[in-house]
PDB file of N, CA and C in Angstrom:
ATOM      1  N   MET A   1       0.792  -1.238  -0.058  1.00  0.00           N
ATOM      2  CA  MET A   1       0.194  -0.072  -0.182  1.00  0.00           C
ATOM      3  C   MET A   1       0.846   1.271   0.045  1.00  0.00           C
ATOM      4  N   SER A   2       0.659   2.102  -1.074  1.00  0.00           N
ATOM      5  CA  SER A   2       1.263   3.414  -0.997  1.00  0.00           C
ATOM      6  C   SER A   2       1.100   4.299   0.083  1.00  0.00           C
ATOM      7  N   THR A   3       2.019   5.080   0.282  1.00  0.00           N
ATOM      8  CA  THR A   3       1.450   6.408   1.115  1.00  0.00           C
ATOM      9  C   THR A   3       0.680   6.957   1.206  1.00  0.00           C
ATOM     10  N   LEU A   4       0.179   7.639  -0.191  1.00  0.00           N
ATOM     11  CA  LEU A   4      -1.053   8.278  -0.576  1.00  0.00           C
ATOM     12  C   LEU A   4      -2.197   7.140  -0.257  1.00  0.00           C
ATOM     13  N   GLU A   5      -2.221   5.919  -0.461  1.00  0.00           N
ATOM     14  CA  GLU A   5      -3.549   5.027  -0.052  1.00  0.00           C
ATOM     15  C   GLU A   5      -3.648   4.945   1.303  1.00  0.00           C
ATOM     16  N   LYS A   6      -2.296   4.790   2.159  1.00  0.00           N
ATOM     17  CA  LYS A   6      -2.489   5.016   3.635  1.00  0.00           C
ATOM     18  C   LYS A   6      -3.201   6.291   4.263  1.00  0.00           C
ATOM     19  N   ALA A   7      -2.760   7.261   3.463  1.00  0.00           N
ATOM     20  CA  ALA A   7      -3.170   8.579   4.170  1.00  0.00           C
ATOM     21  C   ALA A   7      -4.930   8.387   4.012  1.00  0.00           C
ATOM     22  N   ILE A   8      -5.278   7.973   2.793  1.00  0.00           N
ATOM     23  CA  ILE A   8      -6.554   8.308   2.284  1.00  0.00           C
ATOM     24  C   ILE A   8      -7.596   7.171   3.287  1.00  0.00           C
ATOM     25  N   VAL A   9      -6.892   6.051   3.282  1.00  0.00           N
ATOM     26  CA  VAL A   9      -7.564   5.155   4.867  1.00  0.00           C
ATOM     27  C   VAL A   9      -7.815   5.770   5.901  1.00  0.00           C
ATOM     28  N   LEU A  10      -6.620   6.535   6.201  1.00  0.00           N
ATOM     29  CA  LEU A  10      -6.708   7.355   7.426  1.00  0.00           C
ATOM     30  C   LEU A  10      -7.617   8.558   7.910  1.00  0.00           C
ATOM     31  N   LEU A  11      -7.696   9.085   6.393  1.00  0.00           N
ATOM     32  CA  LEU A  11      -8.670  10.350   6.474  1.00  0.00           C
ATOM     33  C   LEU A  11      -9.960  10.047   6.458  1.00  0.00           C
ATOM     34  N   LYS A  12     -10.412   8.646   5.723  1.00  0.00           N
ATOM     35  CA  LYS A  12     -11.529   8.204   5.832  1.00  0.00           C
ATOM     36  C   LYS A  12     -12.286   7.642   7.155  1.00  0.00           C
ATOM     37  N   GLY A  13     -11.645   7.541   7.900  1.00  0.00           N
ATOM     38  CA  GLY A  13     -11.686   6.841   9.360  1.00  0.00           C
ATOM     39  C   GLY A  13     -11.593   8.454  10.231  1.00  0.00           C
ATOM     40  N   LEU A  14     -11.552   9.621  10.021  1.00  0.00           N
ATOM     41  CA  LEU A  14     -11.841  10.753  10.646  1.00  0.00           C
ATOM     42  C   LEU A  14     -12.879  11.206  10.596  1.00  0.00           C
ATOM     43  N   SER A  15     -13.381  11.808  11.800  1.00  0.00           N
ATOM     44  CA  SER A  15     -14.860  12.898  11.921  1.00  0.00           C
ATOM     45  C   SER A  15     -14.419  14.216  11.078  1.00  0.00           C
ATOM     46  N   GLU A  16     -15.481  14.467  10.618  1.00  0.00           N
ATOM     47  CA  GLU A  16     -15.754  15.734  10.092  1.00  0.00           C
ATOM     48  C   GLU A  16     -14.795  16.948  10.942  1.00  0.00           C
ATOM     49  N   GLU A  17     -15.106  17.059  11.797  1.00  0.00           N
ATOM     50  CA  GLU A  17     -14.135  18.107  12.305  1.00  0.00           C
ATOM     51  C   GLU A  17     -12.520  17.938  12.534  1.00  0.00           C
ATOM     52  N   LYS A  18     -12.238  16.529  12.754  1.00  0.00           N
ATOM     53  CA  LYS A  18     -10.836  16.210  12.589  1.00  0.00           C
ATOM     54  C   LYS A  18     -10.237  16.362  11.128  1.00  0.00           C
ATOM     55  N   LEU A  19     -11.084  15.995  10.579  1.00  0.00           N
ATOM     56  CA  LEU A  19     -10.465  16.060   8.727  1.00  0.00           C
ATOM     57  C   LEU A  19     -10.483  17.658   8.445  1.00  0.00           C
ATOM     58  N   ASP A  20     -11.424  18.548   8.970  1.00  0.00           N
ATOM     59  CA  ASP A  20     -11.040  19.665   8.706  1.00  0.00           C
ATOM     60  C   ASP A  20      -9.842  20.240   9.206  1.00  0.00           C
ATOM     61  N   MET A  21      -9.512  19.825  10.510  1.00  0.00           N
ATOM     62  CA  MET A  21      -8.115  20.091  11.200  1.00  0.00           C
ATOM     63  C   MET A  21      -7.034  19.651  10.216  1.00  0.00           C
ATOM     64  N   VAL A  22      -6.961  18.497   9.851  1.00  0.00           N
ATOM     65  CA  VAL A  22      -6.212  18.022   9.246  1.00  0.00           C
ATOM     66  C   VAL A  22      -5.851  18.948   7.533  1.00  0.00           C
ATOM     67  N   VAL A  23      -7.132  19.240   7.021  1.00  0.00           N
ATOM     68  CA  VAL A  23      -7.006  19.833   5.791  1.00  0.00           C
ATOM     69  C   VAL A  23      -6.191  21.164   5.850  1.00  0.00           C
ATOM     70  N   TYR A  24      -6.664  21.809   7.416  1.00  0.00           N
ATOM     71  CA  TYR A  24      -6.061  23.477   7.485  1.00  0.00           C
ATOM     72  C   TYR A  24      -4.856  23.145   7.869  1.00  0.00           C
ATOM     73  N   ILE A  25      -4.383  21.885   8.417  1.00  0.00           N
ATOM     74  CA  ILE A  25      -2.860  21.730   8.544  1.00  0.00           C
ATOM     75  C   ILE A  25      -1.983  21.560   7.108  1.00  0.00           C
ATOM     76  N   LEU A  26      -2.735  20.904   6.551  1.00  0.00           N
ATOM     77  CA  LEU A  26      -2.247  20.727   4.806  1.00  0.00           C
ATOM     78  C   LEU A  26      -1.975  21.825   4.109  1.00  0.00           C
ATOM     79  N   GLU A  27      -3.048  22.511   4.078  1.00  0.00           N
ATOM     80  CA  GLU A  27      -2.929  24.077   3.407  1.00  0.00           C
ATOM     81  C   GLU A  27      -1.862  24.812   4.053  1.00  0.00           C
ATOM     82  N   SER A  28      -1.562  24.906   5.686  1.00  0.00           N
ATOM     83  CA  SER A  28      -0.815  25.759   6.238  1.00  0.00           C
ATOM     84  C   SER A  28       0.653  25.254   5.242  1.00  0.00           C
ATOM     85  N   LEU A  29       0.804  23.759   5.515  1.00  0.00           N
ATOM     86  CA  LEU A  29       2.312  23.182   5.094  1.00  0.00           C
ATOM     87  C   LEU A  29       2.630  23.708   3.502  1.00  0.00           C
ATOM     88  N   MET A  30       1.293  23.966   2.758  1.00  0.00           N
ATOM     89  CA  MET A  30       1.557  24.220   1.285  1.00  0.00           C
ATOM     90  C   MET A  30       1.815  25.422   1.114  1.00  0.00           C
ATOM     91  N   VAL A  31       1.412  26.527   1.935  1.00  0.00           N
ATOM     92  CA  VAL A  31       1.810  27.810   1.878  1.00  0.00           C
ATOM     93  C   VAL A  31       2.981  28.053   2.510  1.00  0.00           C
ATOM     94  N   LYS A  32       3.400  27.295   3.287  1.00  0.00           N
ATOM     95  CA  LYS A  32       4.704  27.540   4.077  1.00  0.00           C
ATOM     96  C   LYS A  32       5.804  26.906   2.749  1.00  0.00           C
ATOM     97  N   GLN A  33       5.457  25.831   2.447  1.00  0.00           N
ATOM     98  CA  GLN A  33       6.437  25.710   1.349  1.00  0.00           C
ATOM     99  C   GLN A  33       6.603  26.752   0.022  1.00  0.00           C
ATOM    100  N   LYS A  34       5.420  26.935  -0.162  1.00  0.00           N
ATOM    101  CA  LYS A  34       5.362  27.904  -1.269  1.00  0.00           C
ATOM    102  C   LYS A  34       6.237  29.212  -1.137  1.00  0.00           C
ATOM    103  N   ILE A  35       6.073  29.427   0.349  1.00  0.00           N
ATOM    104  CA  ILE A  35       6.961  31.043   0.696  1.00  0.00           C
ATOM    105  C   ILE A  35       8.454  30.539   0.500  1.00  0.00           C
ATOM    106  N   GLU A  36       8.621  29.374   1.355  1.00  0.00           N
ATOM    107  CA  GLU A  36      10.081  29.116   1.224  1.00  0.00           C
ATOM    108  C   GLU A  36      10.852  28.724  -0.033  1.00  0.00           C
ATOM    109  N   SER A  37       9.965  28.518  -0.939  1.00  0.00           N
ATOM    110  CA  SER A  37      10.683  28.374  -2.370  1.00  0.00           C
ATOM    111  C   SER A  37      10.706  29.832  -3.165  1.00  0.00           C
ATOM    112  N   MET A  38      10.067  30.710  -2.571  1.00  0.00           N
ATOM    113  CA  MET A  38      10.140  32.096  -3.323  1.00  0.00           C
ATOM    114  C   MET A  38      11.608  32.636  -3.196  1.00  0.00           C
ATOM    115  N   ASN A  39      11.792  33.479  -3.882  1.00  0.00           N
ATOM    116  CA  ASN A  39      13.165  33.844  -4.332  1.00  0.00           C
ATOM    117  C   ASN A  39      12.936  35.367  -3.526  1.00  0.00           C
ATOM    118  N   ILE A  40      12.776  35.536  -2.316  1.00  0.00           N
ATOM    119  CA  ILE A  40      12.785  36.744  -1.692  1.00  0.00           C
ATOM    120  C   ILE A  40      14.110  37.634  -1.599  1.00  0.00           C
ATOM    121  N   GLU A  41      13.920  38.949  -1.912  1.00  0.00           N
ATOM    122  CA  GLU A  41      15.271  39.706  -1.853  1.00  0.00           C
ATOM    123  C   GLU A  41      15.279  40.654  -0.564  1.00  0.00           C
ATOM    124  N   GLU A  42      16.497  40.685  -0.260  1.00  0.00           N
ATOM    125  CA  GLU A  42      16.463  41.769   0.967  1.00  0.00           C
ATOM    126  C   GLU A  42      16.410  43.280   0.676  1.00  0.00           C
ATOM    127  N   LEU A  43      15.688  43.745   1.537  1.00  0.00           N
ATOM    128  CA  LEU A  43      15.530  45.279   0.799  1.00  0.00           C
ATOM    129  C   LEU A  43      16.887  46.210   1.661  1.00  0.00           C
ATOM    130  N   THR A  44      17.456  47.123   0.679  1.00  0.00           N
ATOM    131  CA  THR A  44      18.326  48.019   1.051  1.00  0.00           C
ATOM    132  C   THR A  44      17.754  48.903   2.027  1.00  0.00           C
ATOM    133  N   PRO A  45      18.986  49.582   2.861  1.00  0.00           N
ATOM    134  CA  PRO A  45      18.401  50.409   3.832  1.00  0.00           C
ATOM    135  C   PRO A  45      17.512  51.745   3.048  1.00  0.00           C
ATOM    136  N   GLU A  46      17.854  52.088   2.060  1.00  0.00           N
ATOM    137  CA  GLU A  46      17.303  53.016   1.338  1.00  0.00           C
ATOM    138  C   GLU A  46      16.007  52.743   1.131  1.00  0.00           C
ATOM    139  N   GLU A  47      15.755  51.454   0.361  1.00  0.00           N
ATOM    140  CA  GLU A  47      14.431  51.174   0.009  1.00  0.00           C
ATOM    141  C   GLU A  47      13.212  50.983   1.212  1.00  0.00           C
ATOM    142  N   ALA A  48      14.111  50.613   2.310  1.00  0.00           N
ATOM    143  CA  ALA A  48      13.307  50.199   3.825  1.00  0.00           C
ATOM    144  C   ALA A  48      12.669  51.820   4.125  1.00  0.00           C
ATOM    145  N   ARG A  49      13.945  52.794   4.088  1.00  0.00           N
ATOM    146  CA  ARG A  49      13.509  54.091   4.275  1.00  0.00           C
ATOM    147  C   ARG A  49      12.269  54.482   3.487  1.00  0.00           C
ATOM    148  N   ILE A  50      12.410  54.478   2.209  1.00  0.00           N
ATOM    149  CA  ILE A  50      11.306  54.809   1.240  1.00  0.00           C
ATOM    150  C   ILE A  50       9.931  54.304   1.385  1.00  0.00           C
ATOM    151  N   ILE A  51       9.793  52.920   1.864  1.00  0.00           N
ATOM    152  CA  ILE A  51       9.146  52.264   2.409  1.00  0.00           C
ATOM    153  C   ILE A  51       8.256  52.744   3.450  1.00  0.00           C
ATOM    154  N   ASP A  52       8.866  53.111   4.304  1.00  0.00           N
ATOM    155  CA  ASP A  52       8.866  53.611   5.799  1.00  0.00           C
ATOM    156  C   ASP A  52       8.072  54.766   5.832  1.00  0.00           C
ATOM    157  N   ILE A  53       8.184  55.865   4.723  1.00  0.00           N
ATOM    158  CA  ILE A  53       8.076  57.101   4.518  1.00  0.00           C
ATOM    159  C   ILE A  53       6.739  57.045   3.850  1.00  0.00           C
ATOM    160  N   ALA A  54       6.591  56.194   2.825  1.00  0.00           N
ATOM    161  CA  ALA A  54       5.348  55.941   2.402  1.00  0.00           C
ATOM    162  C   ALA A  54       4.247  55.651   3.189  1.00  0.00           C
ATOM    163  N   LEU A  55       4.419  54.722   4.096  1.00  0.00           N
ATOM    164  CA  LEU A  55       3.483  54.128   5.016  1.00  0.00           C
ATOM    165  C   LEU A  55       3.043  55.224   6.095  1.00  0.00           C
ATOM    166  N   ALA A  56       4.019  55.674   6.523  1.00  0.00           N
ATOM    167  CA  ALA A  56       3.796  56.781   7.424  1.00  0.00           C
ATOM    168  C   ALA A  56       3.024  58.100   6.212  1.00  0.00           C
ATOM    169  N   GLU A  57       2.972  58.111   5.492  1.00  0.00           N
ATOM    170  CA  GLU A  57       2.442  59.139   4.639  1.00  0.00           C
ATOM    171  C   GLU A  57       0.672  58.491   4.470  1.00  0.00           C
ATOM    172  N   LEU A  58       0.721  57.024   4.093  1.00  0.00           N
ATOM    173  CA  LEU A  58      -0.811  56.889   4.246  1.00  0.00           C
ATOM    174  C   LEU A  58      -1.368  56.643   5.288  1.00  0.00           C
ATOM    175  N   ASP A  59      -0.635  56.681   6.524  1.00  0.00           N
ATOM    176  CA  ASP A  59      -1.408  56.708   8.037  1.00  0.00           C
ATOM    177  C   ASP A  59      -1.782  57.698   8.306  1.00  0.00           C
ATOM    178  N   SER A  60      -0.971  58.823   7.596  1.00  0.00           N
ATOM    179  CA  SER A  60      -1.620  60.218   8.266  1.00  0.00           C
ATOM    180  C   SER A  60      -2.505  60.647   7.247  1.00  0.00           C
ATOM    181  N   GLY A  61      -2.808  60.177   6.754  1.00  0.00           N
ATOM    182  CA  GLY A  61      -3.878  60.169   5.494  1.00  0.00           C
ATOM    183  C   GLY A  61      -3.854  61.134   4.278  1.00  0.00           C
ATOM    184  N   LEU A  62      -2.161  61.212   3.590  1.00  0.00           N
ATOM    185  CA  LEU A  62      -1.954  61.754   2.575  1.00  0.00           C
ATOM    186  C   LEU A  62      -2.520  61.095   1.382  1.00  0.00           C
ATOM    187  N   GLY A  63      -2.532  59.868   1.578  1.00  0.00           N
ATOM    188  CA  GLY A  63      -2.909  58.861   0.168  1.00  0.00           C
ATOM    189  C   GLY A  63      -1.691  58.918  -0.647  1.00  0.00           C
ATOM    190  N   VAL A  64      -2.457  58.290  -1.823  1.00  0.00           N
ATOM    191  CA  VAL A  64      -1.392  58.004  -3.109  1.00  0.00           C
ATOM    192  C   VAL A  64      -1.755  59.185  -4.136  1.00  0.00           C
ATOM    193  N   ASP A  65      -0.884  59.780  -4.722  1.00  0.00           N
ATOM    194  CA  ASP A  65      -1.055  60.676  -6.041  1.00  0.00           C
ATOM    195  C   ASP A  65      -1.004  59.806  -7.253  1.00  0.00           C
ATOM    196  N   ALA A  66      -2.494  59.521  -7.941  1.00  0.00           N
ATOM    197  CA  ALA A  66      -2.558  58.767  -8.775  1.00  0.00           C
ATOM    198  C   ALA A  66      -1.501  59.093 -10.002  1.00  0.00           C
ATOM    199  N   GLU A  67      -1.246  59.962 -10.075  1.00  0.00           N
ATOM    200  CA  GLU A  67      -0.655  60.458 -11.486  1.00  0.00           C
ATOM    201  C   GLU A  67       0.854  59.995 -11.069  1.00  0.00           C
ATOM    202  N   SER A  68       1.525  60.226 -10.168  1.00  0.00           N
ATOM    203  CA  SER A  68       2.540  59.551  -9.686  1.00  0.00           C
ATOM    204  C   SER A  68       2.722  58.265 -10.012  1.00  0.00           C
ATOM    205  N   VAL A  69       1.647  57.008  -9.366  1.00  0.00           N
ATOM    206  CA  VAL A  69       1.848  55.826  -9.711  1.00  0.00           C
ATOM    207  C   VAL A  69       1.839  55.700 -11.119  1.00  0.00           C
ATOM    208  N   TRP A  70       0.656  56.384 -12.012  1.00  0.00           N
ATOM    209  CA  TRP A  70       0.543  56.104 -13.365  1.00  0.00           C
ATOM    210  C   TRP A  70       2.077  56.505 -14.235  1.00  0.00           C
ATOM    211  N   GLU A  71       2.720  57.172 -13.580  1.00  0.00           N
ATOM    212  CA  GLU A  71       4.170  57.638 -14.110  1.00  0.00           C
ATOM    213  C   GLU A  71       5.181  56.648 -14.193  1.00  0.00           C
ATOM    214  N   GLU A  72       5.015  56.139 -12.810  1.00  0.00           N
ATOM    215  CA  GLU A  72       5.770  55.158 -12.408  1.00  0.00           C
ATOM    216  C   GLU A  72       5.593  54.033 -13.360  1.00  0.00           C
ATOM    217  N   ALA A  73       4.308  54.090 -13.467  1.00  0.00           N
ATOM    218  CA  ALA A  73       3.887  52.320 -14.149  1.00  0.00           C
ATOM    219  C   ALA A  73       4.055  52.472 -15.764  1.00  0.00           C
ATOM    220  N   GLY A  74       4.297  53.967 -16.251  1.00  0.00           N
ATOM    221  CA  GLY A  74       4.532  54.130 -17.713  1.00  0.00           C
ATOM    222  C   GLY A  74       3.342  54.218 -18.553  1.00  0.00           C
ATOM    223  N   ILE A  75       2.145  54.299 -17.676  1.00  0.00           N
ATOM    224  CA  ILE A  75       0.999  54.934 -18.207  1.00  0.00           C
ATOM    225  C   ILE A  75       0.630  56.376 -18.507  1.00  0.00           C
TER     226      ILE A  75
END
């Protein structure tokens, strides 16, 4: 019997509540695996400073200037 077949037999024996927990755990593992496989770059101190300033502006209610965003996106 393969590992997958064993898992199916075990899953079929679980109550609905426990099956929900197992599905949640499996989904969490899949997300963790995807995050670990991502190529994540470190921010430079300058990039971190720019982001901090932008977040502070948003928090203070300044918002985002649409024309600046369009210009940066080449629109």
